[in-house]
Amino acid sequence: MVWFHKFEDTSTANIRRALGLKDAERGRRVLYIIVFRKLYPITKLSDNMFLTAWWQIVVCHYAIWNKGVYHRDISPSNLMVYRTLDGRCIGVLNDFDLSSTQDCPSGREHTVTIPFMANELLTKAAIEGKVKHRYQHGAESFIWVLTWVCLRYRNGQLLRKGRPLDEWLKLDVNGCREKKTDFLFNGTHIIKPSRSHKRNWTVAQSCLLLVNEFYAKPKTGHPKADDSEADDSEVDDSEAEDSEAEDSEAEDSEAEDSEAVDFEADDSAADDSEADDSKVDNHVSDYLTDAIVFKTWLKENIPRRRRSQKPPVVTV
C-alpha cells in the first residue's frame, strides 16, 4: 500500500442520524481511498519465478496469522506480484475483504472461492458453522492454488482448451468436495501439468500427498496453540512435445544453480519462533495444522537454488 485516506464525513452513520434511526453507528460504511503499487496476477509467472512468489505469499500469510489476522480467501486472483526496478517479482497477498481477526466471532462465514477452500470447509458441519477456521485451511488453500496453476496455465496464459478441473467451477459445495477428494486419491499421478510448470508440479504433488494423508488417517492429538482463531494448448501434450520438454529440462538443470528461490530472506518476514521447530511433534496432521511445521516442511521440500548475482528480468 502506497497511501490511503479515510473520509469520515462520508459515513452512512450521518445519514442514519439525520433520519433519526437508532444504532446509527451499527454497520456503518465509510469511503476509503487506497493507493497500491501496480500489481499483476501471480498466474503471469511460470517455473521458478512463480514458485518463489508463491512461497513469499505463504510466508506473508504465516506472518499475519501469527498477528491474529485471518485472510480466509486464498485463491489465484488474490495472489499478486509487483516488479522491482531490478526485475524481481515480489509476491503480495491481496484482497482482505473476507478477512477477520481473532476478536471477531467465528461461525458460518467462509470463503466464496469454492475450488480453493479446504475440503473440511466444504462439509455440512462447516456450512452449519460448526468448524472453526484453522491455519490448516489456509495452508490447504495454498496447495490447491499451486495445483490449479500448474495444470491450467502455460507461460503465464490460461490454456485455451483441454483445461483440467474446469468442472470444479460449476459445482456446488458438495459436488466440489467430492471431485477434489477423488482427485486427491486417484488423479494426482495421472494428470499432466503444463510444460512451464513441470518442475513446480513435483512440489504440488508432494503437498497434495500431505493433504491426502491428512484426510485419510485418523487425527491424533490436538492442534497447536496458533492453530485456531480462538485458540493455449491441450494438457495432453504429444510424445514429441514431452521429449522436447525433457530436453529443455536437462538444459535447465545445468542452470539451476543460477536460479533463485530465496527462502532465507523471506523467513525474516514471519517471526522468530522457528527456534522451537525441533520441539514440534511431526505427526502427519501437524504438517497442515501447525503453521511453523508447514512452513518448515515447505522450506525443506521445495528445491533449494542459490540466488543469482543478477536476477532475471520478467515482463508481466
C-alpha atoms as a PDB file:
ATOM      1  CA  MET A   1       0.000   0.000   0.000  1.00  0.00           C
ATOM      2  CA  VAL A   2       1.347   3.401  -1.004  1.00  0.00           C
ATOM      3  CA  TRP A   3      -1.288   5.724   0.525  1.00  0.00           C
ATOM      4  CA  PHE A   4      -4.770   5.703   1.987  1.00  0.00           C
ATOM      5  CA  HIS A   5      -7.298   8.142   3.409  1.00  0.00           C
ATOM      6  CA  LYS A   6     -10.484   7.629   5.374  1.00  0.00           C
ATOM      7  CA  PHE A   7     -13.266  10.119   4.657  1.00  0.00           C
ATOM      8  CA  GLU A   8     -15.158  10.201   7.950  1.00  0.00           C
ATOM      9  CA  ASP A   9     -17.663  12.791   6.700  1.00  0.00           C
ATOM     10  CA  THR A  10     -18.966  10.265   4.182  1.00  0.00           C
ATOM     11  CA  SER A  11     -20.068   7.778   6.838  1.00  0.00           C
ATOM     12  CA  THR A  12     -23.544   6.352   6.331  1.00  0.00           C
ATOM     13  CA  ALA A  13     -23.966   6.862  10.080  1.00  0.00           C
ATOM     14  CA  ASN A  14     -24.513  10.575   9.358  1.00  0.00           C
ATOM     15  CA  ILE A  15     -27.472   9.731   7.132  1.00  0.00           C
ATOM     16  CA  ARG A  16     -28.943   7.440   9.776  1.00  0.00           C
ATOM     17  CA  ARG A  17     -28.644  10.107  12.447  1.00  0.00           C
ATOM     18  CA  ALA A  18     -30.351  12.650  10.166  1.00  0.00           C
ATOM     19  CA  LEU A  19     -33.219  10.185   9.684  1.00  0.00           C
ATOM     20  CA  GLY A  20     -33.468   9.654  13.415  1.00  0.00           C
ATOM     21  CA  LEU A  21     -32.652   5.956  13.202  1.00  0.00           C
ATOM     22  CA  LYS A  22     -31.374   4.073  16.206  1.00  0.00           C
ATOM     23  CA  ASP A  23     -27.940   2.416  16.267  1.00  0.00           C
ATOM     24  CA  ALA A  24     -26.644   4.834  13.667  1.00  0.00           C
ATOM     25  CA  GLU A  25     -23.086   3.530  14.057  1.00  0.00           C
ATOM     26  CA  ARG A  26     -24.034  -0.087  13.590  1.00  0.00           C
ATOM     27  CA  GLY A  27     -22.854  -1.489  10.262  1.00  0.00           C
ATOM     28  CA  ARG A  28     -21.840   1.946   9.027  1.00  0.00           C
ATOM     29  CA  ARG A  29     -19.861   2.408   5.837  1.00  0.00           C
ATOM     30  CA  VAL A  30     -17.110   4.919   5.221  1.00  0.00           C
ATOM     31  CA  LEU A  31     -15.379   5.866   1.983  1.00  0.00           C
ATOM     32  CA  TYR A  32     -11.711   4.849   1.838  1.00  0.00           C
ATOM     33  CA  ILE A  33      -9.322   5.655  -0.977  1.00  0.00           C
ATOM     34  CA  ILE A  34      -6.347   3.293  -1.076  1.00  0.00           C
ATOM     35  CA  VAL A  35      -3.432   3.575  -3.483  1.00  0.00           C
ATOM     36  CA  PHE A  36      -1.424   0.410  -4.167  1.00  0.00           C
ATOM     37  CA  ARG A  37       1.548  -0.443  -6.281  1.00  0.00           C
ATOM     38  CA  LYS A  38       0.574  -1.760  -9.680  1.00  0.00           C
ATOM     39  CA  LEU A  39       0.037  -5.469  -9.104  1.00  0.00           C
ATOM     40  CA  TYR A  40      -0.067  -8.359 -11.565  1.00  0.00           C
ATOM     41  CA  PRO A  41      -1.654 -11.795 -11.146  1.00  0.00           C
ATOM     42  CA  ILE A  42       0.771 -14.451  -9.960  1.00  0.00           C
ATOM     43  CA  THR A  43      -0.513 -16.601 -12.820  1.00  0.00           C
ATOM     44  CA  LYS A  44       1.564 -14.435 -15.183  1.00  0.00           C
ATOM     45  CA  LEU A  45       4.676 -16.129 -13.801  1.00  0.00           C
ATOM     46  CA  SER A  46       5.998 -19.589 -14.592  1.00  0.00           C
ATOM     47  CA  ASP A  47       8.513 -22.106 -13.314  1.00  0.00           C
ATOM     48  CA  ASN A  48      10.944 -20.825 -10.699  1.00  0.00           C
ATOM     49  CA  MET A  49       9.683 -17.251 -10.635  1.00  0.00           C
ATOM     50  CA  PHE A  50       6.167 -18.429  -9.872  1.00  0.00           C
ATOM     51  CA  LEU A  51       7.350 -20.764  -7.112  1.00  0.00           C
ATOM     52  CA  THR A  52       9.395 -18.007  -5.497  1.00  0.00           C
ATOM     53  CA  ALA A  53       6.447 -15.577  -5.416  1.00  0.00           C
ATOM     54  CA  TRP A  54       4.088 -18.320  -4.187  1.00  0.00           C
ATOM     55  CA  TRP A  55       6.494 -19.106  -1.338  1.00  0.00           C
ATOM     56  CA  GLN A  56       6.765 -15.437  -0.362  1.00  0.00           C
ATOM     57  CA  ILE A  57       2.985 -15.231  -0.052  1.00  0.00           C
ATOM     58  CA  VAL A  58       2.895 -18.406   2.068  1.00  0.00           C
ATOM     59  CA  VAL A  59       5.334 -16.701   4.442  1.00  0.00           C
ATOM     60  CA  CYS A  60       3.253 -13.493   4.389  1.00  0.00           C
ATOM     61  CA  HIS A  61       0.115 -15.454   5.268  1.00  0.00           C
ATOM     62  CA  TYR A  62       2.021 -17.164   8.095  1.00  0.00           C
ATOM     63  CA  ALA A  63       3.189 -13.799   9.463  1.00  0.00           C
ATOM     64  CA  ILE A  64      -0.250 -12.180   9.568  1.00  0.00           C
ATOM     65  CA  TRP A  65      -1.772 -15.362  11.015  1.00  0.00           C
ATOM     66  CA  ASN A  66       0.612 -15.047  13.968  1.00  0.00           C
ATOM     67  CA  LYS A  67      -0.673 -11.491  14.420  1.00  0.00           C
ATOM     68  CA  GLY A  68      -4.286 -12.657  14.599  1.00  0.00           C
ATOM     69  CA  VAL A  69      -5.364 -11.701  11.061  1.00  0.00           C
ATOM     70  CA  TYR A  70      -7.078 -14.452   9.041  1.00  0.00           C
ATOM     71  CA  HIS A  71      -7.337 -13.878   5.286  1.00  0.00           C
ATOM     72  CA  ARG A  72      -9.953 -16.606   4.552  1.00  0.00           C
ATOM     73  CA  ASP A  73      -9.925 -16.279   0.748  1.00  0.00           C
ATOM     74  CA  ILE A  74      -6.741 -17.770  -0.669  1.00  0.00           C
ATOM     75  CA  SER A  75      -7.259 -18.049  -4.439  1.00  0.00           C
ATOM     76  CA  PRO A  76      -5.239 -17.354  -7.609  1.00  0.00           C
ATOM     77  CA  SER A  77      -6.925 -13.984  -8.113  1.00  0.00           C
ATOM     78  CA  ASN A  78      -5.783 -12.862  -4.650  1.00  0.00           C
ATOM     79  CA  LEU A  79      -2.146 -13.863  -5.093  1.00  0.00           C
ATOM     80  CA  MET A  80      -0.410 -10.985  -6.849  1.00  0.00           C
ATOM     81  CA  VAL A  81       3.094  -9.750  -7.618  1.00  0.00           C
ATOM     82  CA  TYR A  82       4.803  -6.447  -8.252  1.00  0.00           C
ATOM     83  CA  ARG A  83       8.030  -5.914 -10.141  1.00  0.00           C
ATOM     84  CA  THR A  84      11.048  -4.185  -8.635  1.00  0.00           C
ATOM     85  CA  LEU A  85      13.448  -1.970 -10.573  1.00  0.00           C
ATOM     86  CA  ASP A  86      15.981  -4.796 -10.814  1.00  0.00           C
ATOM     87  CA  GLY A  87      13.415  -7.142 -12.365  1.00  0.00           C
ATOM     88  CA  ARG A  88      12.470  -9.285  -9.372  1.00  0.00           C
ATOM     89  CA  CYS A  89       8.831 -10.184  -8.754  1.00  0.00           C
ATOM     90  CA  ILE A  90       7.647  -9.893  -5.152  1.00  0.00           C
ATOM     91  CA  GLY A  91       4.603 -11.866  -4.005  1.00  0.00           C
ATOM     92  CA  VAL A  92       1.680  -9.983  -2.443  1.00  0.00           C
ATOM     93  CA  LEU A  93      -1.330 -11.375  -0.572  1.00  0.00           C
ATOM     94  CA  ASN A  94      -4.193  -9.192  -1.783  1.00  0.00           C
ATOM     95  CA  ASP A  95      -7.900  -8.598  -1.065  1.00  0.00           C
ATOM     96  CA  PHE A  96      -8.758  -8.784   2.621  1.00  0.00           C
ATOM     97  CA  ASP A  97     -12.495  -8.203   2.105  1.00  0.00           C
ATOM     98  CA  LEU A  98     -13.357 -11.553   3.721  1.00  0.00           C
ATOM     99  CA  SER A  99     -10.656 -11.446   6.370  1.00  0.00           C
ATOM    100  CA  SER A 100     -11.255 -11.439  10.105  1.00  0.00           C
ATOM    101  CA  THR A 101      -9.307 -11.064  13.316  1.00  0.00           C
ATOM    102  CA  GLN A 102      -9.091 -13.221  16.388  1.00  0.00           C
ATOM    103  CA  ASP A 103     -11.546 -10.872  18.106  1.00  0.00           C
ATOM    104  CA  CYS A 104     -14.258 -11.448  15.505  1.00  0.00           C
ATOM    105  CA  PRO A 105     -16.920 -14.089  16.167  1.00  0.00           C
ATOM    106  CA  SER A 106     -16.361 -17.304  14.212  1.00  0.00           C
ATOM    107  CA  GLY A 107     -19.011 -19.463  12.656  1.00  0.00           C
ATOM    108  CA  ARG A 108     -20.726 -19.546   9.316  1.00  0.00           C
ATOM    109  CA  GLU A 109     -18.507 -17.112   7.498  1.00  0.00           C
ATOM    110  CA  HIS A 110     -16.272 -18.787   4.937  1.00  0.00           C
ATOM    111  CA  THR A 111     -14.592 -18.052   1.671  1.00  0.00           C
ATOM    112  CA  VAL A 112     -16.552 -17.926  -1.552  1.00  0.00           C
ATOM    113  CA  THR A 113     -13.917 -19.341  -3.926  1.00  0.00           C
ATOM    114  CA  ILE A 114     -15.090 -22.921  -3.539  1.00  0.00           C
ATOM    115  CA  PRO A 115     -12.451 -24.823  -5.585  1.00  0.00           C
ATOM    116  CA  PHE A 116      -9.677 -23.486  -3.349  1.00  0.00           C
ATOM    117  CA  MET A 117     -11.366 -23.991   0.008  1.00  0.00           C
ATOM    118  CA  ALA A 118     -10.053 -26.692   2.296  1.00  0.00           C
ATOM    119  CA  ASN A 119     -12.139 -29.848   1.961  1.00  0.00           C
ATOM    120  CA  GLU A 120     -13.038 -29.678   5.640  1.00  0.00           C
ATOM    121  CA  LEU A 121     -14.758 -26.329   4.991  1.00  0.00           C
ATOM    122  CA  LEU A 122     -16.884 -27.947   2.282  1.00  0.00           C
ATOM    123  CA  THR A 123     -18.599 -30.297   4.735  1.00  0.00           C
ATOM    124  CA  LYS A 124     -22.091 -29.981   6.170  1.00  0.00           C
ATOM    125  CA  ALA A 125     -20.667 -29.230   9.606  1.00  0.00           C
ATOM    126  CA  ALA A 126     -18.656 -26.307   8.232  1.00  0.00           C
ATOM    127  CA  ILE A 127     -21.639 -24.930   6.331  1.00  0.00           C
ATOM    128  CA  GLU A 128     -23.601 -25.018   9.591  1.00  0.00           C
ATOM    129  CA  GLY A 129     -20.843 -23.044  11.320  1.00  0.00           C
ATOM    130  CA  LYS A 130     -19.531 -25.922  13.440  1.00  0.00           C
ATOM    131  CA  VAL A 131     -15.968 -25.902  12.112  1.00  0.00           C
ATOM    132  CA  LYS A 132     -13.538 -23.252  13.338  1.00  0.00           C
ATOM    133  CA  HIS A 133     -11.270 -21.657  10.798  1.00  0.00           C
ATOM    134  CA  ARG A 134      -7.777 -23.021  11.411  1.00  0.00           C
ATOM    135  CA  TYR A 135      -4.347 -22.473   9.934  1.00  0.00           C
ATOM    136  CA  GLN A 136      -4.593 -25.798   8.101  1.00  0.00           C
ATOM    137  CA  HIS A 137      -7.435 -24.400   5.976  1.00  0.00           C
ATOM    138  CA  GLY A 138      -5.283 -21.586   4.645  1.00  0.00           C
ATOM    139  CA  ALA A 139      -2.336 -23.940   4.119  1.00  0.00           C
ATOM    140  CA  GLU A 140      -4.518 -26.340   2.139  1.00  0.00           C
ATOM    141  CA  SER A 141      -5.864 -23.471   0.032  1.00  0.00           C
ATOM    142  CA  PHE A 142      -2.311 -22.542  -0.973  1.00  0.00           C
ATOM    143  CA  ILE A 143      -1.771 -26.137  -2.101  1.00  0.00           C
ATOM    144  CA  TRP A 144      -4.931 -26.079  -4.236  1.00  0.00           C
ATOM    145  CA  VAL A 145      -3.806 -22.790  -5.820  1.00  0.00           C
ATOM    146  CA  LEU A 146      -0.407 -24.282  -6.646  1.00  0.00           C
ATOM    147  CA  THR A 147      -2.126 -27.311  -8.183  1.00  0.00           C
ATOM    148  CA  TRP A 148      -4.566 -25.162 -10.162  1.00  0.00           C
ATOM    149  CA  VAL A 149      -1.885 -23.001 -11.743  1.00  0.00           C
ATOM    150  CA  CYS A 150       0.408 -25.930 -12.587  1.00  0.00           C
ATOM    151  CA  LEU A 151      -2.371 -27.670 -14.500  1.00  0.00           C
ATOM    152  CA  ARG A 152      -4.177 -24.769 -16.158  1.00  0.00           C
ATOM    153  CA  TYR A 153      -1.557 -22.150 -17.080  1.00  0.00           C
ATOM    154  CA  ARG A 154       1.285 -22.243 -19.570  1.00  0.00           C
ATOM    155  CA  ASN A 155       3.835 -19.463 -19.955  1.00  0.00           C
ATOM    156  CA  GLY A 156       1.613 -17.107 -17.992  1.00  0.00           C
ATOM    157  CA  GLN A 157      -1.520 -17.743 -20.044  1.00  0.00           C
ATOM    158  CA  LEU A 158      -4.655 -19.734 -19.279  1.00  0.00           C
ATOM    159  CA  LEU A 159      -4.878 -22.785 -21.527  1.00  0.00           C
ATOM    160  CA  ARG A 160      -7.482 -22.241 -24.260  1.00  0.00           C
ATOM    161  CA  LYS A 161      -8.612 -25.856 -24.481  1.00  0.00           C
ATOM    162  CA  GLY A 162      -8.210 -29.103 -22.646  1.00  0.00           C
ATOM    163  CA  ARG A 163      -8.063 -27.364 -19.273  1.00  0.00           C
ATOM    164  CA  PRO A 164      -8.270 -29.782 -16.329  1.00  0.00           C
ATOM    165  CA  LEU A 165     -10.526 -29.049 -13.357  1.00  0.00           C
ATOM    166  CA  ASP A 166     -12.954 -26.801 -15.284  1.00  0.00           C
ATOM    167  CA  GLU A 167     -15.907 -28.663 -13.777  1.00  0.00           C
ATOM    168  CA  TRP A 168     -14.870 -27.570 -10.267  1.00  0.00           C
ATOM    169  CA  LEU A 169     -16.014 -24.056 -11.130  1.00  0.00           C
ATOM    170  CA  LYS A 170     -19.544 -25.231 -11.918  1.00  0.00           C
ATOM    171  CA  LEU A 171     -20.225 -27.386  -8.862  1.00  0.00           C
ATOM    172  CA  ASP A 172     -21.828 -26.631  -5.532  1.00  0.00           C
ATOM    173  CA  VAL A 173     -20.056 -27.215  -2.241  1.00  0.00           C
ATOM    174  CA  ASN A 174     -20.847 -30.929  -2.004  1.00  0.00           C
ATOM    175  CA  GLY A 175     -20.064 -31.651  -5.645  1.00  0.00           C
ATOM    176  CA  CYS A 176     -16.757 -29.809  -5.489  1.00  0.00           C
ATOM    177  CA  ARG A 177     -15.727 -31.636  -2.318  1.00  0.00           C
ATOM    178  CA  GLU A 178     -16.421 -34.987  -3.988  1.00  0.00           C
ATOM    179  CA  LYS A 179     -14.423 -34.061  -7.098  1.00  0.00           C
ATOM    180  CA  LYS A 180     -11.490 -32.773  -5.063  1.00  0.00           C
ATOM    181  CA  THR A 181     -11.480 -35.864  -2.853  1.00  0.00           C
ATOM    182  CA  ASP A 182     -11.468 -38.124  -5.901  1.00  0.00           C
ATOM    183  CA  PHE A 183      -8.632 -36.052  -7.374  1.00  0.00           C
ATOM    184  CA  LEU A 184      -6.613 -36.407  -4.172  1.00  0.00           C
ATOM    185  CA  PHE A 185      -6.848 -40.182  -4.099  1.00  0.00           C
ATOM    186  CA  ASN A 186      -6.911 -41.017  -7.817  1.00  0.00           C
ATOM    187  CA  GLY A 187      -5.881 -38.108 -10.024  1.00  0.00           C
ATOM    188  CA  THR A 188      -2.577 -36.629  -8.928  1.00  0.00           C
ATOM    189  CA  HIS A 189      -0.366 -39.192 -10.689  1.00  0.00           C
ATOM    190  CA  ILE A 190      -2.444 -39.413 -13.882  1.00  0.00           C
ATOM    191  CA  ILE A 191      -2.896 -35.800 -14.859  1.00  0.00           C
ATOM    192  CA  LYS A 192      -0.100 -33.851 -16.554  1.00  0.00           C
ATOM    193  CA  PRO A 193       0.975 -30.269 -15.800  1.00  0.00           C
ATOM    194  CA  SER A 194       1.783 -27.683 -18.431  1.00  0.00           C
ATOM    195  CA  ARG A 195       5.413 -27.699 -19.553  1.00  0.00           C
ATOM    196  CA  SER A 196       6.155 -24.315 -17.973  1.00  0.00           C
ATOM    197  CA  HIS A 197       5.132 -25.658 -14.563  1.00  0.00           C
ATOM    198  CA  LYS A 198       6.527 -29.182 -14.851  1.00  0.00           C
ATOM    199  CA  ARG A 199       9.061 -28.728 -12.047  1.00  0.00           C
ATOM    200  CA  ASN A 200       6.548 -26.907  -9.861  1.00  0.00           C
ATOM    201  CA  TRP A 201       4.183 -29.854 -10.263  1.00  0.00           C
ATOM    202  CA  THR A 202       6.582 -32.094  -8.318  1.00  0.00           C
ATOM    203  CA  VAL A 203       6.240 -29.699  -5.396  1.00  0.00           C
ATOM    204  CA  ALA A 204       2.463 -29.643  -5.792  1.00  0.00           C
ATOM    205  CA  GLN A 205       2.313 -33.451  -5.794  1.00  0.00           C
ATOM    206  CA  SER A 206       4.289 -33.609  -2.556  1.00  0.00           C
ATOM    207  CA  CYS A 207       1.934 -31.079  -0.978  1.00  0.00           C
ATOM    208  CA  LEU A 208      -1.147 -32.936  -2.229  1.00  0.00           C
ATOM    209  CA  LEU A 209       0.210 -36.104  -0.651  1.00  0.00           C
ATOM    210  CA  LEU A 210       0.167 -34.292   2.689  1.00  0.00           C
ATOM    211  CA  VAL A 211      -3.464 -33.324   2.173  1.00  0.00           C
ATOM    212  CA  ASN A 212      -4.286 -36.880   1.137  1.00  0.00           C
ATOM    213  CA  GLU A 213      -2.682 -38.325   4.263  1.00  0.00           C
ATOM    214  CA  PHE A 214      -4.305 -35.694   6.442  1.00  0.00           C
ATOM    215  CA  TYR A 215      -7.805 -36.762   5.429  1.00  0.00           C
ATOM    216  CA  ALA A 216      -7.021 -40.470   5.095  1.00  0.00           C
ATOM    217  CA  LYS A 217      -5.517 -41.033   8.536  1.00  0.00           C
ATOM    218  CA  PRO A 218      -7.278 -40.622  11.888  1.00  0.00           C
ATOM    219  CA  LYS A 219      -6.276 -37.425  13.613  1.00  0.00           C
ATOM    220  CA  THR A 220      -4.358 -37.788  16.863  1.00  0.00           C
ATOM    221  CA  GLY A 221      -3.514 -35.160  19.402  1.00  0.00           C
ATOM    222  CA  HIS A 222      -4.648 -31.570  19.307  1.00  0.00           C
ATOM    223  CA  PRO A 223      -3.792 -28.661  17.025  1.00  0.00           C
ATOM    224  CA  LYS A 224      -1.053 -26.346  18.192  1.00  0.00           C
ATOM    225  CA  ALA A 225      -1.779 -23.115  20.021  1.00  0.00           C
ATOM    226  CA  ASP A 226      -1.596 -20.954  16.875  1.00  0.00           C
ATOM    227  CA  ASP A 227      -3.898 -23.303  15.026  1.00  0.00           C
ATOM    228  CA  SER A 228      -7.344 -21.809  15.542  1.00  0.00           C
ATOM    229  CA  GLU A 229      -8.839 -18.361  15.780  1.00  0.00           C
ATOM    230  CA  ALA A 230      -9.839 -18.588  19.353  1.00  0.00           C
ATOM    231  CA  ASP A 231      -7.144 -20.884  20.191  1.00  0.00           C
ATOM    232  CA  ASP A 232      -3.212 -22.239 -25.084  1.00  0.00           C
ATOM    233  CA  SER A 233      -2.526 -25.782 -25.805  1.00  0.00           C
ATOM    234  CA  GLU A 234      -4.000 -29.100 -24.676  1.00  0.00           C
ATOM    235  CA  VAL A 235      -2.729 -30.535 -21.483  1.00  0.00           C
ATOM    236  CA  ASP A 236      -2.273 -33.893 -23.180  1.00  0.00           C
ATOM    237  CA  ASP A 237       0.987 -32.964 -24.889  1.00  0.00           C
ATOM    238  CA  SER A 238       2.214 -35.262 -27.611  1.00  0.00           C
ATOM    239  CA  GLU A 239       5.184 -37.541 -27.048  1.00  0.00           C
ATOM    240  CA  ALA A 240       7.268 -35.272 -29.214  1.00  0.00           C
ATOM    241  CA  GLU A 241       6.406 -32.300 -27.004  1.00  0.00           C
ATOM    242  CA  ASP A 242       7.206 -34.269 -23.872  1.00  0.00           C
ATOM    243  CA  SER A 243      10.591 -35.291 -25.168  1.00  0.00           C
ATOM    244  CA  GLU A 244      11.231 -31.677 -26.106  1.00  0.00           C
ATOM    245  CA  ALA A 245      10.278 -30.622 -22.597  1.00  0.00           C
ATOM    246  CA  GLU A 246      12.604 -33.248 -21.132  1.00  0.00           C
ATOM    247  CA  ASP A 247      15.447 -31.976 -23.293  1.00  0.00           C
ATOM    248  CA  SER A 248      14.830 -28.442 -22.106  1.00  0.00           C
ATOM    249  CA  GLU A 249      14.652 -29.726 -18.557  1.00  0.00           C
ATOM    250  CA  ALA A 250      18.102 -31.236 -18.917  1.00  0.00           C
ATOM    251  CA  GLU A 251      19.351 -27.872 -20.077  1.00  0.00           C
ATOM    252  CA  ASP A 252      17.546 -26.143 -17.236  1.00  0.00           C
ATOM    253  CA  SER A 253      19.128 -28.449 -14.680  1.00  0.00           C
ATOM    254  CA  GLU A 254      22.559 -27.209 -15.712  1.00  0.00           C
ATOM    255  CA  ALA A 255      21.458 -23.680 -14.905  1.00  0.00           C
ATOM    256  CA  GLU A 256      19.611 -24.490 -11.688  1.00  0.00           C
ATOM    257  CA  ASP A 257      22.396 -23.145  -9.502  1.00  0.00           C
ATOM    258  CA  SER A 258      21.890 -19.717 -11.043  1.00  0.00           C
ATOM    259  CA  GLU A 259      18.155 -19.644 -10.416  1.00  0.00           C
ATOM    260  CA  ALA A 260      16.646 -18.105  -7.335  1.00  0.00           C
ATOM    261  CA  VAL A 261      14.247 -19.443  -4.793  1.00  0.00           C
ATOM    262  CA  ASP A 262      15.134 -17.203  -1.909  1.00  0.00           C
ATOM    263  CA  PHE A 263      13.800 -18.836   1.234  1.00  0.00           C
ATOM    264  CA  GLU A 264      16.172 -17.450   3.809  1.00  0.00           C
ATOM    265  CA  ALA A 265      15.442 -13.778   3.152  1.00  0.00           C
ATOM    266  CA  ASP A 266      11.694 -14.317   3.293  1.00  0.00           C
ATOM    267  CA  ASP A 267      11.740 -16.035   6.665  1.00  0.00           C
ATOM    268  CA  SER A 268      12.508 -12.784   8.470  1.00  0.00           C
ATOM    269  CA  ALA A 269       9.033 -11.577   7.487  1.00  0.00           C
ATOM    270  CA  ALA A 270       7.370 -14.137   9.730  1.00  0.00           C
ATOM    271  CA  ASP A 271       8.681 -14.241  13.279  1.00  0.00           C
ATOM    272  CA  ASP A 272      11.466 -15.540  15.490  1.00  0.00           C
ATOM    273  CA  SER A 273       9.598 -18.596  16.744  1.00  0.00           C
ATOM    274  CA  GLU A 274      11.361 -21.076  14.455  1.00  0.00           C
ATOM    275  CA  ALA A 275      13.911 -21.704  17.161  1.00  0.00           C
ATOM    276  CA  ASP A 276      11.308 -24.014  18.679  1.00  0.00           C
ATOM    277  CA  ASP A 277      10.717 -26.015  15.486  1.00  0.00           C
ATOM    278  CA  SER A 278      12.595 -29.022  16.809  1.00  0.00           C
ATOM    279  CA  LYS A 279      10.123 -29.291  19.681  1.00  0.00           C
ATOM    280  CA  VAL A 280       7.117 -29.826  17.409  1.00  0.00           C
ATOM    281  CA  ASP A 281       5.804 -33.356  17.004  1.00  0.00           C
ATOM    282  CA  ASN A 282       5.921 -34.118  13.275  1.00  0.00           C
ATOM    283  CA  HIS A 283       2.759 -36.214  13.057  1.00  0.00           C
ATOM    284  CA  VAL A 284       1.402 -36.173   9.511  1.00  0.00           C
ATOM    285  CA  SER A 285      -1.548 -33.987  10.504  1.00  0.00           C
ATOM    286  CA  ASP A 286       0.784 -31.415  12.068  1.00  0.00           C
ATOM    287  CA  TYR A 287       2.269 -30.583   8.680  1.00  0.00           C
ATOM    288  CA  LEU A 288      -1.004 -28.859   7.850  1.00  0.00           C
ATOM    289  CA  THR A 289      -2.416 -27.982  11.255  1.00  0.00           C
ATOM    290  CA  ASP A 290       0.660 -26.236  12.617  1.00  0.00           C
ATOM    291  CA  ALA A 291       1.872 -23.061  10.935  1.00  0.00           C
ATOM    292  CA  ILE A 292       5.518 -23.446  11.913  1.00  0.00           C
ATOM    293  CA  VAL A 293       5.726 -27.068  10.822  1.00  0.00           C
ATOM    294  CA  PHE A 294       4.024 -26.443   7.469  1.00  0.00           C
ATOM    295  CA  LYS A 295       6.349 -23.550   6.676  1.00  0.00           C
ATOM    296  CA  THR A 296       9.370 -25.599   7.738  1.00  0.00           C
ATOM    297  CA  TRP A 297       8.215 -28.611   5.698  1.00  0.00           C
ATOM    298  CA  LEU A 298       7.814 -26.468   2.586  1.00  0.00           C
ATOM    299  CA  LYS A 299      11.219 -24.944   3.187  1.00  0.00           C
ATOM    300  CA  GLU A 300      12.802 -28.394   3.284  1.00  0.00           C
ATOM    301  CA  ASN A 301      10.896 -29.850   0.324  1.00  0.00           C
ATOM    302  CA  ILE A 302      10.897 -27.031  -2.217  1.00  0.00           C
ATOM    303  CA  PRO A 303      14.160 -27.392  -4.165  1.00  0.00           C
ATOM    304  CA  ARG A 304      16.814 -25.010  -2.904  1.00  0.00           C
ATOM    305  CA  ARG A 305      18.680 -22.993  -5.516  1.00  0.00           C
ATOM    306  CA  ARG A 306      21.290 -20.381  -4.921  1.00  0.00           C
ATOM    307  CA  ARG A 307      20.427 -16.794  -5.696  1.00  0.00           C
ATOM    308  CA  SER A 308      21.844 -15.468  -8.946  1.00  0.00           C
ATOM    309  CA  GLN A 309      24.108 -12.432  -8.963  1.00  0.00           C
ATOM    310  CA  LYS A 310      21.714 -10.721 -11.362  1.00  0.00           C
ATOM    311  CA  PRO A 311      18.050 -11.786 -11.164  1.00  0.00           C
ATOM    312  CA  PRO A 312      16.296 -12.355 -14.481  1.00  0.00           C
ATOM    313  CA  VAL A 313      14.085  -9.555 -15.763  1.00  0.00           C
ATOM    314  CA  VAL A 314      10.469 -10.643 -16.016  1.00  0.00           C
ATOM    315  CA  THR A 315       7.951  -8.802 -18.160  1.00  0.00           C
ATOM    316  CA  VAL A 316       4.364  -9.042 -16.915  1.00  0.00           C
END
